[in-house]
Amino acid sequence: MRRIPGLLMVCLSGGAALAAPAAELPGLGPDSHRSIVDVNTAPWRILGRVQTALGGRCTGFAVAPTVMVTAAHCLWLPTTRHYIQPRDVHVLMGYALGHYRLHAQVTHFVIAPGYDPENEGGTAPEDRATLILDRPVVTPGDLVPYGEARMGASAMLVGYPQDRAEVPYGDIACQINGLAVNGLIHHDCSATRGDSGGPLLVRQPDGQWGIVGIDVLATAGRGGFAAPLPH
């Protein structure tokens, strides 16, 4: 895991064999508070586990019936210095304990312009990949609208973290701490490796939940940063 001054990258880890005790994982801290969520109910029906034929795992979320978003660094292979082939990326919707609602194959993906996997810290606001799928994974009614991040607003962040990779697990009682000058959204949600690519949801003024960003970075203690969504 590459260290960035003041930050730790919430990057894709290779599997259970690499799992570390929760206390040692970035983004959690001693006061972490997470729970299992039901991914077959709103707003979490958009959530999917993004995994590769090489054993890597991250989190993603649907923004259209056949389109998902995840963190771009999840698709980068440091050993070859290339992105993984789309045919080797799969999405499991509603995954929990080996069961899932449906499986979709990625046909191609688009990395956000400006993202450089060899300069993770400097280009983190663009750490975004759009996945095009071979079949619909949600209905239009399942989709969660984009929202606005406001300091102090209630937030939620759920994914498939390294220490609980077999269940949708996350923080449903956190908040937005502020916005960085480069556009990154600072939150205090408990999230770590494997949560990368998960949606940061924020309670909007009308009481509804809206997606404001994509989980990409973790701090040394509880919390991290999300890359903003394109407008």
Protein backbone atom coordinates (compact mmCIF):
# COMPACT_ATOMS: atom_id res chain seq x y z
CA MET A 1 0.00 0.00 0.00
CA ARG A 2 1.49 3.34 -1.04
CA ARG A 3 1.77 5.97 1.65
CA ILE A 4 0.66 9.50 0.88
CA PRO A 5 1.55 12.31 3.30
CA GLY A 6 -1.22 12.41 5.90
CA LEU A 7 -3.21 9.71 4.12
CA LEU A 8 -3.29 6.00 3.45
CA MET A 9 -4.59 4.60 0.21
CA VAL A 10 -7.66 2.37 0.49
CA CYS A 11 -6.47 0.13 -2.29
CA LEU A 12 -7.56 -3.20 -3.67
CA SER A 13 -6.19 -6.15 -1.70
CA GLY A 14 -5.64 -9.60 -3.08
CA GLY A 15 -7.94 -11.64 -0.86
CA ALA A 16 -8.49 -13.18 2.52
CA ALA A 17 -4.93 -14.44 2.74
CA LEU A 18 -3.73 -10.85 2.97
CA ALA A 19 -6.27 -9.80 5.58
CA ALA A 20 -4.98 -7.87 8.56
CA PRO A 21 -6.58 -7.48 11.98
CA ALA A 22 -9.20 -4.73 11.90
CA ALA A 23 -7.22 -2.64 14.37
CA GLU A 24 -4.32 -2.49 11.88
CA LEU A 25 -6.35 -1.52 8.84
CA PRO A 26 -6.41 2.12 7.71
CA GLY A 27 -9.67 4.04 7.91
CA LEU A 28 -11.04 2.21 10.95
CA GLY A 29 -9.26 3.25 14.13
CA PRO A 30 -10.14 2.08 17.64
CA ASP A 31 -13.60 3.68 17.50
CA SER A 32 -14.82 1.98 14.32
CA HIS A 33 -18.55 1.27 14.22
CA ARG A 34 -19.82 -0.91 11.38
CA SER A 35 -22.65 -3.35 10.79
CA ILE A 36 -24.03 -5.71 8.14
CA VAL A 37 -26.59 -4.13 5.80
CA ASP A 38 -29.32 -5.68 3.66
CA VAL A 39 -28.31 -5.19 0.04
CA ASN A 40 -31.72 -6.31 -1.17
CA THR A 41 -33.39 -3.17 0.16
CA ALA A 42 -33.10 0.52 -0.75
CA PRO A 43 -30.79 2.32 -1.02
CA TRP A 44 -28.30 -0.56 -1.13
CA ARG A 45 -29.66 -2.50 -4.11
CA ILE A 46 -27.16 -0.50 -6.19
CA LEU A 47 -24.23 -2.10 -4.35
CA GLY A 48 -22.12 -4.81 -5.97
CA ARG A 49 -18.87 -6.61 -5.31
CA VAL A 50 -16.39 -5.98 -8.12
CA GLN A 51 -13.96 -8.85 -8.45
CA THR A 52 -11.36 -9.97 -10.93
CA ALA A 53 -10.18 -13.27 -12.33
CA LEU A 54 -6.91 -12.60 -10.48
CA GLY A 55 -8.63 -12.68 -7.10
CA GLY A 56 -8.86 -8.96 -6.44
CA ARG A 57 -11.97 -7.43 -4.86
CA CYS A 58 -13.41 -3.96 -4.49
CA THR A 59 -16.85 -2.38 -4.23
CA GLY A 60 -18.94 -0.69 -6.91
CA PHE A 61 -22.39 0.77 -7.39
CA ALA A 62 -24.86 1.06 -10.24
CA VAL A 63 -25.62 4.48 -11.72
CA ALA A 64 -27.74 3.08 -14.58
CA PRO A 65 -29.15 -0.40 -15.27
CA THR A 66 -26.05 -1.47 -17.23
CA VAL A 67 -23.48 0.97 -15.82
CA MET A 68 -21.50 0.78 -12.59
CA VAL A 69 -18.84 2.96 -11.01
CA THR A 70 -15.84 1.90 -8.95
CA ALA A 71 -12.42 3.27 -8.03
CA ALA A 72 -9.98 3.25 -10.95
CA HIS A 73 -7.12 2.03 -8.75
CA CYS A 74 -9.05 -1.22 -8.27
CA LEU A 75 -8.42 -2.09 -11.93
CA TRP A 76 -4.71 -1.23 -12.01
CA LEU A 77 -2.10 -4.01 -11.92
CA PRO A 78 1.12 -2.61 -10.40
CA THR A 79 3.15 -5.66 -11.43
CA THR A 80 2.44 -5.12 -15.14
CA ARG A 81 1.77 -1.36 -14.96
CA HIS A 82 -1.38 -1.87 -17.01
CA TYR A 83 -5.08 -2.00 -16.29
CA ILE A 84 -6.68 -5.41 -16.11
CA GLN A 85 -8.58 -6.62 -19.18
CA PRO A 86 -12.34 -5.91 -19.00
CA ARG A 87 -13.15 -9.56 -19.66
CA ASP A 88 -11.46 -10.40 -16.35
CA VAL A 89 -13.73 -8.12 -14.29
CA HIS A 90 -17.05 -9.34 -12.87
CA VAL A 91 -19.80 -7.80 -10.77
CA LEU A 92 -21.84 -9.69 -8.18
CA MET A 93 -24.95 -7.78 -7.17
CA GLY A 94 -26.33 -8.24 -3.68
CA TYR A 95 -23.42 -10.48 -2.70
CA ALA A 96 -23.46 -12.01 0.80
CA LEU A 97 -21.85 -15.22 2.03
CA GLY A 98 -21.40 -16.74 -1.42
CA HIS A 99 -24.89 -15.89 -2.67
CA TYR A 100 -25.88 -13.04 -4.99
CA ARG A 101 -28.89 -11.79 -6.95
CA LEU A 102 -27.11 -11.81 -10.27
CA HIS A 103 -23.76 -11.81 -12.00
CA ALA A 104 -22.67 -9.47 -14.78
CA GLN A 105 -19.59 -9.38 -16.97
CA VAL A 106 -17.78 -6.12 -17.69
CA THR A 107 -17.58 -5.57 -21.44
CA HIS A 108 -15.41 -2.47 -21.25
CA PHE A 109 -14.53 0.30 -18.84
CA VAL A 110 -13.50 3.95 -19.01
CA ILE A 111 -10.94 5.48 -16.65
CA ALA A 112 -11.59 9.11 -15.76
CA PRO A 113 -9.34 11.52 -17.66
CA GLY A 114 -6.62 12.86 -15.42
CA TYR A 115 -6.27 9.82 -13.18
CA ASP A 116 -2.71 8.51 -12.89
CA PRO A 117 -2.33 5.23 -10.96
CA GLU A 118 1.33 6.03 -10.40
CA ASN A 119 0.38 9.34 -8.78
CA GLU A 120 -2.49 8.19 -6.58
CA GLY A 121 -2.36 11.08 -4.13
CA GLY A 122 -2.09 13.81 -6.75
CA THR A 123 -4.90 12.49 -8.93
CA ALA A 124 -7.21 10.98 -6.29
CA PRO A 125 -10.11 13.34 -7.20
CA GLU A 126 -10.22 11.54 -10.59
CA ASP A 127 -9.91 8.01 -9.17
CA ARG A 128 -12.99 6.78 -10.99
CA ALA A 129 -13.79 3.98 -13.44
CA THR A 130 -17.06 3.54 -15.31
CA LEU A 131 -17.93 -0.11 -15.98
CA ILE A 132 -20.19 -1.09 -18.87
CA LEU A 133 -21.97 -4.37 -18.18
CA ASP A 134 -23.36 -7.10 -20.41
CA ARG A 135 -26.80 -7.03 -18.75
CA PRO A 136 -28.94 -4.81 -16.49
CA VAL A 137 -28.16 -5.24 -12.79
CA VAL A 138 -30.79 -2.89 -11.33
CA THR A 139 -34.08 -1.35 -12.36
CA PRO A 140 -34.46 2.42 -12.78
CA GLY A 141 -36.43 2.45 -9.54
CA ASP A 142 -33.43 1.07 -7.61
CA LEU A 143 -31.14 3.94 -8.56
CA VAL A 144 -30.06 6.54 -6.02
CA PRO A 145 -29.75 10.12 -7.31
CA TYR A 146 -26.59 12.18 -7.06
CA GLY A 147 -26.55 14.58 -4.13
CA GLU A 148 -24.54 17.39 -2.60
CA ALA A 149 -21.94 17.01 0.13
CA ARG A 150 -22.46 19.46 2.99
CA MET A 151 -20.24 19.81 6.04
CA GLY A 152 -21.79 18.10 9.04
CA ALA A 153 -24.39 16.21 6.99
CA SER A 154 -25.23 12.63 7.93
CA ALA A 155 -23.48 10.05 5.75
CA MET A 156 -23.27 6.30 5.12
CA LEU A 157 -20.59 4.18 3.47
CA VAL A 158 -20.99 0.44 2.90
CA GLY A 159 -18.85 -1.98 0.92
CA TYR A 160 -16.95 -5.24 1.04
CA PRO A 161 -13.99 -4.47 3.33
CA GLN A 162 -10.97 -6.72 3.50
CA ASP A 163 -11.77 -7.91 7.02
CA ARG A 164 -15.44 -8.68 6.17
CA ALA A 165 -15.24 -9.40 2.44
CA GLU A 166 -18.05 -11.95 2.42
CA VAL A 167 -20.77 -9.59 3.63
CA PRO A 168 -21.89 -6.03 2.82
CA TYR A 169 -20.51 -4.23 5.84
CA GLY A 170 -20.19 -0.59 6.68
CA ASP A 171 -20.88 2.57 8.61
CA ILE A 172 -24.43 3.91 8.53
CA ALA A 173 -23.94 6.59 11.18
CA CYS A 174 -21.16 8.92 10.10
CA GLN A 175 -20.86 12.42 8.67
CA ILE A 176 -19.13 14.77 6.24
CA ASN A 177 -16.20 16.64 7.78
CA GLY A 178 -15.55 19.01 4.90
CA LEU A 179 -14.31 19.47 1.35
CA ALA A 180 -10.64 19.56 0.36
CA VAL A 181 -9.40 22.25 -2.02
CA ASN A 182 -8.89 19.60 -4.71
CA GLY A 183 -12.54 18.47 -4.47
CA LEU A 184 -12.06 15.38 -2.31
CA ILE A 185 -14.82 14.88 0.26
CA HIS A 186 -13.60 14.23 3.80
CA HIS A 187 -15.77 11.89 5.88
CA ASP A 188 -15.43 10.10 9.22
CA CYS A 189 -17.05 6.85 8.07
CA SER A 190 -15.35 3.61 9.08
CA ALA A 191 -14.04 2.21 5.77
CA THR A 192 -10.89 0.41 4.70
CA ARG A 193 -9.32 -1.70 1.96
CA GLY A 194 -11.96 -3.38 -0.18
CA ASP A 195 -14.41 -0.52 0.44
CA SER A 196 -12.71 1.34 -2.40
CA GLY A 197 -15.26 2.19 -5.06
CA GLY A 198 -18.17 2.18 -2.62
CA PRO A 199 -20.73 4.98 -2.73
CA LEU A 200 -20.62 7.73 -0.11
CA LEU A 201 -24.27 8.55 0.61
CA VAL A 202 -25.31 11.82 2.26
CA ARG A 203 -28.65 12.86 3.69
CA GLN A 204 -30.03 15.69 1.55
CA PRO A 205 -32.06 18.69 2.80
CA ASP A 206 -35.28 16.96 1.68
CA GLY A 207 -34.46 13.96 3.89
CA GLN A 208 -33.56 11.63 1.01
CA TRP A 209 -30.19 9.98 0.46
CA GLY A 210 -27.96 11.05 -2.43
CA ILE A 211 -24.63 9.73 -3.73
CA VAL A 212 -21.90 12.36 -3.46
CA GLY A 213 -18.68 10.45 -4.05
CA ILE A 214 -16.64 7.28 -4.51
CA ASP A 215 -14.54 5.96 -1.63
CA VAL A 216 -10.86 6.16 -2.59
CA LEU A 217 -8.63 7.09 0.38
CA ALA A 218 -8.39 6.32 4.07
CA THR A 219 -6.80 8.22 6.94
CA ALA A 220 -4.63 6.60 9.61
CA GLY A 221 -7.59 6.58 12.02
CA ARG A 222 -11.31 6.35 11.33
CA GLY A 223 -12.45 8.07 8.14
CA GLY A 224 -11.15 8.93 4.71
CA PHE A 225 -11.86 10.70 1.45
CA ALA A 226 -14.22 10.19 -1.47
CA ALA A 227 -13.65 11.33 -5.03
CA PRO A 228 -16.44 13.61 -6.25
CA LEU A 229 -18.84 12.44 -8.92
CA PRO A 230 -18.72 14.17 -12.32
CA HIS A 231 -21.37 16.80 -13.02
